[in-house]
All heavy atoms as atom14 arrays in JSON, in Angstrom:
{
  "sequence": "SLGESGVVATTLPDLLADVPATGTEPEEVAAVKGRAVMAQ",
  "atom14_mask": [
    [1, 1, 1, 1, 1, 1, 0, 0, 0, 0, 0, 0, 0, 0],
    [1, 1, 1, 1, 1, 1, 1, 1, 0, 0, 0, 0, 0, 0],
    [1, 1, 1, 1, 0, 0, 0, 0, 0, 0, 0, 0, 0, 0],
    [1, 1, 1, 1, 1, 1, 1, 1, 1, 0, 0, 0, 0, 0],
    [1, 1, 1, 1, 1, 1, 0, 0, 0, 0, 0, 0, 0, 0],
    [1, 1, 1, 1, 0, 0, 0, 0, 0, 0, 0, 0, 0, 0],
    [1, 1, 1, 1, 1, 1, 1, 0, 0, 0, 0, 0, 0, 0],
    [1, 1, 1, 1, 1, 1, 1, 0, 0, 0, 0, 0, 0, 0],
    [1, 1, 1, 1, 1, 0, 0, 0, 0, 0, 0, 0, 0, 0],
    [1, 1, 1, 1, 1, 1, 1, 0, 0, 0, 0, 0, 0, 0],
    [1, 1, 1, 1, 1, 1, 1, 0, 0, 0, 0, 0, 0, 0],
    [1, 1, 1, 1, 1, 1, 1, 1, 0, 0, 0, 0, 0, 0],
    [1, 1, 1, 1, 1, 1, 1, 0, 0, 0, 0, 0, 0, 0],
    [1, 1, 1, 1, 1, 1, 1, 1, 0, 0, 0, 0, 0, 0],
    [1, 1, 1, 1, 1, 1, 1, 1, 0, 0, 0, 0, 0, 0],
    [1, 1, 1, 1, 1, 1, 1, 1, 0, 0, 0, 0, 0, 0],
    [1, 1, 1, 1, 1, 0, 0, 0, 0, 0, 0, 0, 0, 0],
    [1, 1, 1, 1, 1, 1, 1, 1, 0, 0, 0, 0, 0, 0],
    [1, 1, 1, 1, 1, 1, 1, 0, 0, 0, 0, 0, 0, 0],
    [1, 1, 1, 1, 1, 1, 1, 0, 0, 0, 0, 0, 0, 0],
    [1, 1, 1, 1, 1, 0, 0, 0, 0, 0, 0, 0, 0, 0],
    [1, 1, 1, 1, 1, 1, 1, 0, 0, 0, 0, 0, 0, 0],
    [1, 1, 1, 1, 0, 0, 0, 0, 0, 0, 0, 0, 0, 0],
    [1, 1, 1, 1, 1, 1, 1, 0, 0, 0, 0, 0, 0, 0],
    [1, 1, 1, 1, 1, 1, 1, 1, 1, 0, 0, 0, 0, 0],
    [1, 1, 1, 1, 1, 1, 1, 0, 0, 0, 0, 0, 0, 0],
    [1, 1, 1, 1, 1, 1, 1, 1, 1, 0, 0, 0, 0, 0],
    [1, 1, 1, 1, 1, 1, 1, 1, 1, 0, 0, 0, 0, 0],
    [1, 1, 1, 1, 1, 1, 1, 0, 0, 0, 0, 0, 0, 0],
    [1, 1, 1, 1, 1, 0, 0, 0, 0, 0, 0, 0, 0, 0],
    [1, 1, 1, 1, 1, 0, 0, 0, 0, 0, 0, 0, 0, 0],
    [1, 1, 1, 1, 1, 1, 1, 0, 0, 0, 0, 0, 0, 0],
    [1, 1, 1, 1, 1, 1, 1, 1, 1, 0, 0, 0, 0, 0],
    [1, 1, 1, 1, 0, 0, 0, 0, 0, 0, 0, 0, 0, 0],
    [1, 1, 1, 1, 1, 1, 1, 1, 1, 1, 1, 0, 0, 0],
    [1, 1, 1, 1, 1, 0, 0, 0, 0, 0, 0, 0, 0, 0],
    [1, 1, 1, 1, 1, 1, 1, 0, 0, 0, 0, 0, 0, 0],
    [1, 1, 1, 1, 1, 1, 1, 1, 0, 0, 0, 0, 0, 0],
    [1, 1, 1, 1, 1, 0, 0, 0, 0, 0, 0, 0, 0, 0],
    [1, 1, 1, 1, 1, 1, 1, 1, 1, 0, 0, 0, 0, 0]
  ],
  "atom14_positions": [
    [[-16.88, 19.94, 0.45], [-18.13, 20.5, 0.02], [-19.32, 20.06, 0.88], [-20.39, 20.68, 0.87], [-18.44, 20.06, -1.41], [-18.93, 18.73, -1.54], [0.0, 0.0, 0.0], [0.0, 0.0, 0.0], [0.0, 0.0, 0.0], [0.0, 0.0, 0.0], [0.0, 0.0, 0.0], [0.0, 0.0, 0.0], [0.0, 0.0, 0.0], [0.0, 0.0, 0.0]],
    [[-19.18, 18.97, 1.65], [-20.15, 18.59, 2.62], [-19.83, 19.1, 4.08], [-20.54, 18.58, 5.05], [-20.21, 16.99, 2.51], [-20.53, 16.33, 1.28], [-20.35, 14.83, 1.34], [-21.92, 16.75, 0.87], [0.0, 0.0, 0.0], [0.0, 0.0, 0.0], [0.0, 0.0, 0.0], [0.0, 0.0, 0.0], [0.0, 0.0, 0.0], [0.0, 0.0, 0.0]],
    [[-18.86, 19.94, 4.14], [-18.66, 20.58, 5.42], [-17.62, 19.76, 6.3], [-17.6, 19.97, 7.55], [0.0, 0.0, 0.0], [0.0, 0.0, 0.0], [0.0, 0.0, 0.0], [0.0, 0.0, 0.0], [0.0, 0.0, 0.0], [0.0, 0.0, 0.0], [0.0, 0.0, 0.0], [0.0, 0.0, 0.0], [0.0, 0.0, 0.0], [0.0, 0.0, 0.0]],
    [[-16.97, 18.79, 5.72], [-16.07, 17.87, 6.55], [-14.68, 18.05, 5.93], [-14.33, 17.89, 4.86], [-16.47, 16.47, 6.39], [-17.92, 16.21, 6.94], [-18.01, 16.49, 8.44], [-17.08, 16.65, 9.05], [-19.19, 16.61, 8.9], [0.0, 0.0, 0.0], [0.0, 0.0, 0.0], [0.0, 0.0, 0.0], [0.0, 0.0, 0.0], [0.0, 0.0, 0.0]],
    [[-13.71, 18.29, 6.97], [-12.3, 18.36, 6.58], [-11.37, 17.55, 7.43], [-10.28, 17.41, 7.24], [-11.87, 19.86, 6.62], [-12.09, 20.34, 7.99], [0.0, 0.0, 0.0], [0.0, 0.0, 0.0], [0.0, 0.0, 0.0], [0.0, 0.0, 0.0], [0.0, 0.0, 0.0], [0.0, 0.0, 0.0], [0.0, 0.0, 0.0], [0.0, 0.0, 0.0]],
    [[-11.94, 16.83, 8.46], [-11.25, 16.01, 9.37], [-10.98, 14.67, 8.86], [-11.11, 13.67, 9.58], [0.0, 0.0, 0.0], [0.0, 0.0, 0.0], [0.0, 0.0, 0.0], [0.0, 0.0, 0.0], [0.0, 0.0, 0.0], [0.0, 0.0, 0.0], [0.0, 0.0, 0.0], [0.0, 0.0, 0.0], [0.0, 0.0, 0.0], [0.0, 0.0, 0.0]],
    [[-10.52, 14.53, 7.56], [-10.39, 13.17, 7.01], [-8.95, 13.12, 6.36], [-8.54, 14.18, 5.77], [-11.38, 13.03, 5.86], [-11.06, 11.74, 5.05], [-12.8, 13.01, 6.45], [0.0, 0.0, 0.0], [0.0, 0.0, 0.0], [0.0, 0.0, 0.0], [0.0, 0.0, 0.0], [0.0, 0.0, 0.0], [0.0, 0.0, 0.0], [0.0, 0.0, 0.0]],
    [[-8.24, 12.06, 6.58], [-6.93, 11.81, 6.07], [-7.1, 10.98, 4.73], [-7.64, 9.85, 4.81], [-6.04, 11.1, 7.04], [-4.64, 10.85, 6.3], [-5.81, 12.01, 8.21], [0.0, 0.0, 0.0], [0.0, 0.0, 0.0], [0.0, 0.0, 0.0], [0.0, 0.0, 0.0], [0.0, 0.0, 0.0], [0.0, 0.0, 0.0], [0.0, 0.0, 0.0]],
    [[-6.79, 11.52, 3.59], [-6.81, 10.78, 2.35], [-5.47, 10.43, 1.88], [-4.61, 11.26, 1.62], [-7.64, 11.61, 1.27], [0.0, 0.0, 0.0], [0.0, 0.0, 0.0], [0.0, 0.0, 0.0], [0.0, 0.0, 0.0], [0.0, 0.0, 0.0], [0.0, 0.0, 0.0], [0.0, 0.0, 0.0], [0.0, 0.0, 0.0], [0.0, 0.0, 0.0]],
    [[-5.26, 9.11, 1.47], [-3.9, 8.73, 1.0], [-4.03, 7.48, 0.24], [-5.14, 6.83, 0.09], [-3.08, 8.49, 2.24], [-1.74, 8.16, 1.87], [-3.52, 7.33, 3.1], [0.0, 0.0, 0.0], [0.0, 0.0, 0.0], [0.0, 0.0, 0.0], [0.0, 0.0, 0.0], [0.0, 0.0, 0.0], [0.0, 0.0, 0.0], [0.0, 0.0, 0.0]],
    [[-2.96, 7.06, -0.43], [-2.86, 5.76, -1.06], [-2.21, 4.87, -0.08], [-1.57, 5.26, 0.93], [-1.95, 5.84, -2.32], [-0.62, 6.16, -1.98], [-2.52, 6.88, -3.35], [0.0, 0.0, 0.0], [0.0, 0.0, 0.0], [0.0, 0.0, 0.0], [0.0, 0.0, 0.0], [0.0, 0.0, 0.0], [0.0, 0.0, 0.0], [0.0, 0.0, 0.0]],
    [[-2.41, 3.54, -0.32], [-1.74, 2.56, 0.59], [-0.18, 2.75, 0.66], [0.45, 2.77, 1.8], [-2.14, 1.18, 0.3], [-1.68, 0.14, 1.36], [-2.46, 0.27, 2.58], [-1.91, -1.36, 0.78], [0.0, 0.0, 0.0], [0.0, 0.0, 0.0], [0.0, 0.0, 0.0], [0.0, 0.0, 0.0], [0.0, 0.0, 0.0], [0.0, 0.0, 0.0]],
    [[0.54, 2.86, -0.48], [1.98, 3.06, -0.38], [2.37, 4.27, 0.42], [3.27, 4.19, 1.2], [2.33, 3.12, -1.87], [1.33, 2.39, -2.59], [0.0, 2.69, -1.85], [0.0, 0.0, 0.0], [0.0, 0.0, 0.0], [0.0, 0.0, 0.0], [0.0, 0.0, 0.0], [0.0, 0.0, 0.0], [0.0, 0.0, 0.0], [0.0, 0.0, 0.0]],
    [[1.62, 5.31, 0.22], [1.99, 6.55, 1.0], [1.71, 6.32, 2.5], [2.36, 6.97, 3.33], [1.15, 7.76, 0.39], [1.67, 8.3, -0.98], [2.78, 7.82, -1.27], [1.0, 8.87, -1.63], [0.0, 0.0, 0.0], [0.0, 0.0, 0.0], [0.0, 0.0, 0.0], [0.0, 0.0, 0.0], [0.0, 0.0, 0.0], [0.0, 0.0, 0.0]],
    [[0.7, 5.61, 2.86], [0.39, 5.34, 4.17], [1.44, 4.57, 4.95], [1.83, 4.8, 6.02], [-0.98, 4.66, 4.28], [-1.4, 4.21, 5.78], [-1.82, 5.42, 6.64], [-2.66, 3.28, 5.63], [0.0, 0.0, 0.0], [0.0, 0.0, 0.0], [0.0, 0.0, 0.0], [0.0, 0.0, 0.0], [0.0, 0.0, 0.0], [0.0, 0.0, 0.0]],
    [[1.91, 3.53, 4.15], [2.88, 2.54, 4.78], [4.34, 2.94, 4.6], [5.21, 2.44, 5.32], [2.6, 1.19, 4.15], [1.28, 0.59, 4.3], [1.21, -0.87, 3.74], [0.8, 0.55, 5.68], [0.0, 0.0, 0.0], [0.0, 0.0, 0.0], [0.0, 0.0, 0.0], [0.0, 0.0, 0.0], [0.0, 0.0, 0.0], [0.0, 0.0, 0.0]],
    [[4.67, 3.77, 3.57], [6.02, 3.88, 3.09], [6.87, 4.64, 4.13], [6.62, 5.84, 4.29], [6.1, 4.51, 1.75], [0.0, 0.0, 0.0], [0.0, 0.0, 0.0], [0.0, 0.0, 0.0], [0.0, 0.0, 0.0], [0.0, 0.0, 0.0], [0.0, 0.0, 0.0], [0.0, 0.0, 0.0], [0.0, 0.0, 0.0], [0.0, 0.0, 0.0]],
    [[7.83, 4.0, 4.68], [8.94, 4.63, 5.39], [10.15, 4.75, 4.3], [11.14, 5.32, 4.6], [9.44, 3.89, 6.58], [8.49, 4.2, 7.83], [7.78, 5.21, 7.72], [8.4, 3.32, 8.68], [0.0, 0.0, 0.0], [0.0, 0.0, 0.0], [0.0, 0.0, 0.0], [0.0, 0.0, 0.0], [0.0, 0.0, 0.0], [0.0, 0.0, 0.0]],
    [[10.05, 3.93, 3.22], [10.99, 3.87, 2.23], [10.34, 4.04, 0.87], [9.13, 3.66, 0.76], [11.79, 2.6, 2.2], [12.65, 2.35, 3.46], [10.85, 1.34, 2.12], [0.0, 0.0, 0.0], [0.0, 0.0, 0.0], [0.0, 0.0, 0.0], [0.0, 0.0, 0.0], [0.0, 0.0, 0.0], [0.0, 0.0, 0.0], [0.0, 0.0, 0.0]],
    [[10.99, 4.66, -0.14], [10.34, 4.67, -1.48], [10.17, 3.34, -2.19], [11.18, 2.5, -2.09], [11.25, 5.63, -2.28], [12.62, 5.45, -1.64], [12.31, 5.21, -0.06], [0.0, 0.0, 0.0], [0.0, 0.0, 0.0], [0.0, 0.0, 0.0], [0.0, 0.0, 0.0], [0.0, 0.0, 0.0], [0.0, 0.0, 0.0], [0.0, 0.0, 0.0]],
    [[9.02, 3.08, -2.71], [8.77, 1.81, -3.52], [8.82, 2.13, -5.0], [7.77, 2.4, -5.54], [7.5, 1.28, -3.08], [0.0, 0.0, 0.0], [0.0, 0.0, 0.0], [0.0, 0.0, 0.0], [0.0, 0.0, 0.0], [0.0, 0.0, 0.0], [0.0, 0.0, 0.0], [0.0, 0.0, 0.0], [0.0, 0.0, 0.0], [0.0, 0.0, 0.0]],
    [[9.94, 2.17, -5.55], [10.07, 2.62, -7.02], [10.29, 1.44, -7.91], [10.33, 1.56, -9.09], [11.37, 3.54, -7.15], [12.49, 2.74, -6.63], [11.16, 4.82, -6.36], [0.0, 0.0, 0.0], [0.0, 0.0, 0.0], [0.0, 0.0, 0.0], [0.0, 0.0, 0.0], [0.0, 0.0, 0.0], [0.0, 0.0, 0.0], [0.0, 0.0, 0.0]],
    [[10.44, 0.24, -7.33], [10.7, -0.98, -8.13], [9.45, -1.6, -8.74], [8.29, -1.22, -8.34], [0.0, 0.0, 0.0], [0.0, 0.0, 0.0], [0.0, 0.0, 0.0], [0.0, 0.0, 0.0], [0.0, 0.0, 0.0], [0.0, 0.0, 0.0], [0.0, 0.0, 0.0], [0.0, 0.0, 0.0], [0.0, 0.0, 0.0], [0.0, 0.0, 0.0]],
    [[9.67, -2.36, -9.8], [8.61, -3.1, -10.37], [8.9, -4.62, -10.39], [10.06, -4.95, -10.24], [8.28, -2.67, -11.81], [9.49, -2.95, -12.62], [7.94, -1.25, -11.88], [0.0, 0.0, 0.0], [0.0, 0.0, 0.0], [0.0, 0.0, 0.0], [0.0, 0.0, 0.0], [0.0, 0.0, 0.0], [0.0, 0.0, 0.0], [0.0, 0.0, 0.0]],
    [[7.9, -5.48, -10.52], [8.08, -6.89, -10.41], [6.97, -7.67, -11.12], [5.92, -7.07, -11.27], [8.24, -7.41, -9.0], [6.99, -7.17, -8.19], [7.26, -7.29, -6.71], [8.37, -7.71, -6.34], [6.32, -6.9, -5.87], [0.0, 0.0, 0.0], [0.0, 0.0, 0.0], [0.0, 0.0, 0.0], [0.0, 0.0, 0.0], [0.0, 0.0, 0.0]],
    [[7.09, -8.86, -11.55], [6.15, -9.59, -12.17], [4.91, -9.77, -11.27], [5.04, -9.84, -10.07], [6.8, -10.95, -12.52], [8.26, -10.66, -12.57], [8.45, -9.59, -11.54], [0.0, 0.0, 0.0], [0.0, 0.0, 0.0], [0.0, 0.0, 0.0], [0.0, 0.0, 0.0], [0.0, 0.0, 0.0], [0.0, 0.0, 0.0], [0.0, 0.0, 0.0]],
    [[3.76, -9.93, -11.9], [2.54, -10.08, -11.16], [2.5, -11.28, -10.13], [2.1, -11.13, -9.08], [1.38, -10.17, -12.1], [-0.04, -10.28, -11.5], [-1.13, -10.5, -12.56], [-0.91, -10.08, -13.68], [-2.07, -11.09, -12.19], [0.0, 0.0, 0.0], [0.0, 0.0, 0.0], [0.0, 0.0, 0.0], [0.0, 0.0, 0.0], [0.0, 0.0, 0.0]],
    [[3.15, -12.4, -10.58], [3.18, -13.52, -9.77], [4.0, -13.26, -8.55], [3.73, -14.02, -7.5], [3.58, -14.76, -10.54], [4.97, -14.69, -11.21], [4.87, -14.09, -12.63], [3.93, -13.36, -12.91], [5.85, -14.39, -13.41], [0.0, 0.0, 0.0], [0.0, 0.0, 0.0], [0.0, 0.0, 0.0], [0.0, 0.0, 0.0], [0.0, 0.0, 0.0]],
    [[5.08, -12.54, -8.63], [5.85, -12.29, -7.42], [5.12, -11.45, -6.42], [5.07, -11.78, -5.19], [7.15, -11.55, -7.87], [7.98, -11.18, -6.63], [8.03, -12.36, -8.75], [0.0, 0.0, 0.0], [0.0, 0.0, 0.0], [0.0, 0.0, 0.0], [0.0, 0.0, 0.0], [0.0, 0.0, 0.0], [0.0, 0.0, 0.0], [0.0, 0.0, 0.0]],
    [[4.44, -10.39, -6.93], [3.61, -9.63, -5.98], [2.48, -10.38, -5.29], [2.11, -10.24, -4.19], [3.01, -8.36, -6.76], [0.0, 0.0, 0.0], [0.0, 0.0, 0.0], [0.0, 0.0, 0.0], [0.0, 0.0, 0.0], [0.0, 0.0, 0.0], [0.0, 0.0, 0.0], [0.0, 0.0, 0.0], [0.0, 0.0, 0.0], [0.0, 0.0, 0.0]],
    [[1.97, -11.47, -6.14], [0.84, -12.23, -5.61], [1.44, -13.1, -4.36], [0.66, -13.22, -3.31], [0.37, -13.14, -6.69], [0.0, 0.0, 0.0], [0.0, 0.0, 0.0], [0.0, 0.0, 0.0], [0.0, 0.0, 0.0], [0.0, 0.0, 0.0], [0.0, 0.0, 0.0], [0.0, 0.0, 0.0], [0.0, 0.0, 0.0], [0.0, 0.0, 0.0]],
    [[2.68, -13.64, -4.43], [3.25, -14.34, -3.3], [3.44, -13.44, -2.15], [2.98, -13.83, -1.01], [4.61, -15.05, -3.75], [5.17, -15.71, -2.55], [4.25, -16.04, -4.85], [0.0, 0.0, 0.0], [0.0, 0.0, 0.0], [0.0, 0.0, 0.0], [0.0, 0.0, 0.0], [0.0, 0.0, 0.0], [0.0, 0.0, 0.0], [0.0, 0.0, 0.0]],
    [[3.99, -12.34, -2.39], [4.22, -11.38, -1.14], [2.97, -11.0, -0.56], [2.89, -10.68, 0.64], [4.91, -10.13, -1.73], [6.36, -10.28, -2.28], [6.99, -9.04, -2.74], [8.42, -9.32, -3.22], [8.96, -8.07, -3.79], [0.0, 0.0, 0.0], [0.0, 0.0, 0.0], [0.0, 0.0, 0.0], [0.0, 0.0, 0.0], [0.0, 0.0, 0.0]],
    [[1.85, -10.94, -1.25], [0.49, -10.56, -0.75], [-0.21, -11.57, 0.08], [-1.2, -11.29, 0.71], [0.0, 0.0, 0.0], [0.0, 0.0, 0.0], [0.0, 0.0, 0.0], [0.0, 0.0, 0.0], [0.0, 0.0, 0.0], [0.0, 0.0, 0.0], [0.0, 0.0, 0.0], [0.0, 0.0, 0.0], [0.0, 0.0, 0.0], [0.0, 0.0, 0.0]],
    [[0.2, -12.81, -0.09], [-0.5, -13.93, 0.56], [-0.41, -13.81, 2.14], [0.6, -13.45, 2.66], [-0.05, -15.35, 0.04], [-0.52, -15.59, -1.39], [0.28, -16.62, -2.03], [0.41, -17.84, -1.17], [1.1, -18.88, -1.44], [1.89, -18.85, -2.57], [1.19, -19.88, -0.66], [0.0, 0.0, 0.0], [0.0, 0.0, 0.0], [0.0, 0.0, 0.0]],
    [[-1.46, -14.26, 2.78], [-1.57, -14.27, 4.27], [-0.49, -15.06, 4.85], [-0.01, -14.74, 5.99], [-2.9, -14.66, 4.7], [0.0, 0.0, 0.0], [0.0, 0.0, 0.0], [0.0, 0.0, 0.0], [0.0, 0.0, 0.0], [0.0, 0.0, 0.0], [0.0, 0.0, 0.0], [0.0, 0.0, 0.0], [0.0, 0.0, 0.0], [0.0, 0.0, 0.0]],
    [[0.04, -16.09, 4.24], [1.05, -16.96, 4.73], [2.33, -16.18, 4.95], [3.16, -16.6, 5.87], [1.36, -18.2, 3.83], [2.07, -17.68, 2.55], [2.18, -19.17, 4.56], [0.0, 0.0, 0.0], [0.0, 0.0, 0.0], [0.0, 0.0, 0.0], [0.0, 0.0, 0.0], [0.0, 0.0, 0.0], [0.0, 0.0, 0.0], [0.0, 0.0, 0.0]],
    [[2.58, -15.03, 4.35], [3.79, -14.3, 4.57], [3.88, -13.76, 6.0], [4.99, -13.43, 6.51], [3.89, -13.12, 3.51], [4.15, -13.6, 2.07], [5.8, -14.45, 1.95], [6.84, -13.25, 2.48], [0.0, 0.0, 0.0], [0.0, 0.0, 0.0], [0.0, 0.0, 0.0], [0.0, 0.0, 0.0], [0.0, 0.0, 0.0], [0.0, 0.0, 0.0]],
    [[2.7, -13.52, 6.6], [2.8, -13.09, 7.94], [3.46, -14.11, 8.89], [4.22, -13.88, 9.74], [1.35, -12.76, 8.5], [0.0, 0.0, 0.0], [0.0, 0.0, 0.0], [0.0, 0.0, 0.0], [0.0, 0.0, 0.0], [0.0, 0.0, 0.0], [0.0, 0.0, 0.0], [0.0, 0.0, 0.0], [0.0, 0.0, 0.0], [0.0, 0.0, 0.0]],
    [[3.15, -15.42, 8.63], [3.75, -16.57, 9.37], [5.24, -16.58, 9.02], [6.07, -16.85, 9.92], [3.1, -17.78, 8.98], [3.6, -19.0, 9.72], [2.77, -20.21, 9.29], [1.92, -20.26, 8.47], [3.25, -21.45, 9.84], [0.0, 0.0, 0.0], [0.0, 0.0, 0.0], [0.0, 0.0, 0.0], [0.0, 0.0, 0.0], [0.0, 0.0, 0.0]]
  ]
}
């Protein structure tokens, strides 16, 4: 409506997913996976 169409809109899972992420897990597990130390 503002005359702009050159934008890609997505969710983070859709942006990153080469595989489907259908599983669930406790919040504390997701928190560990999200910590910066996991890069190391």
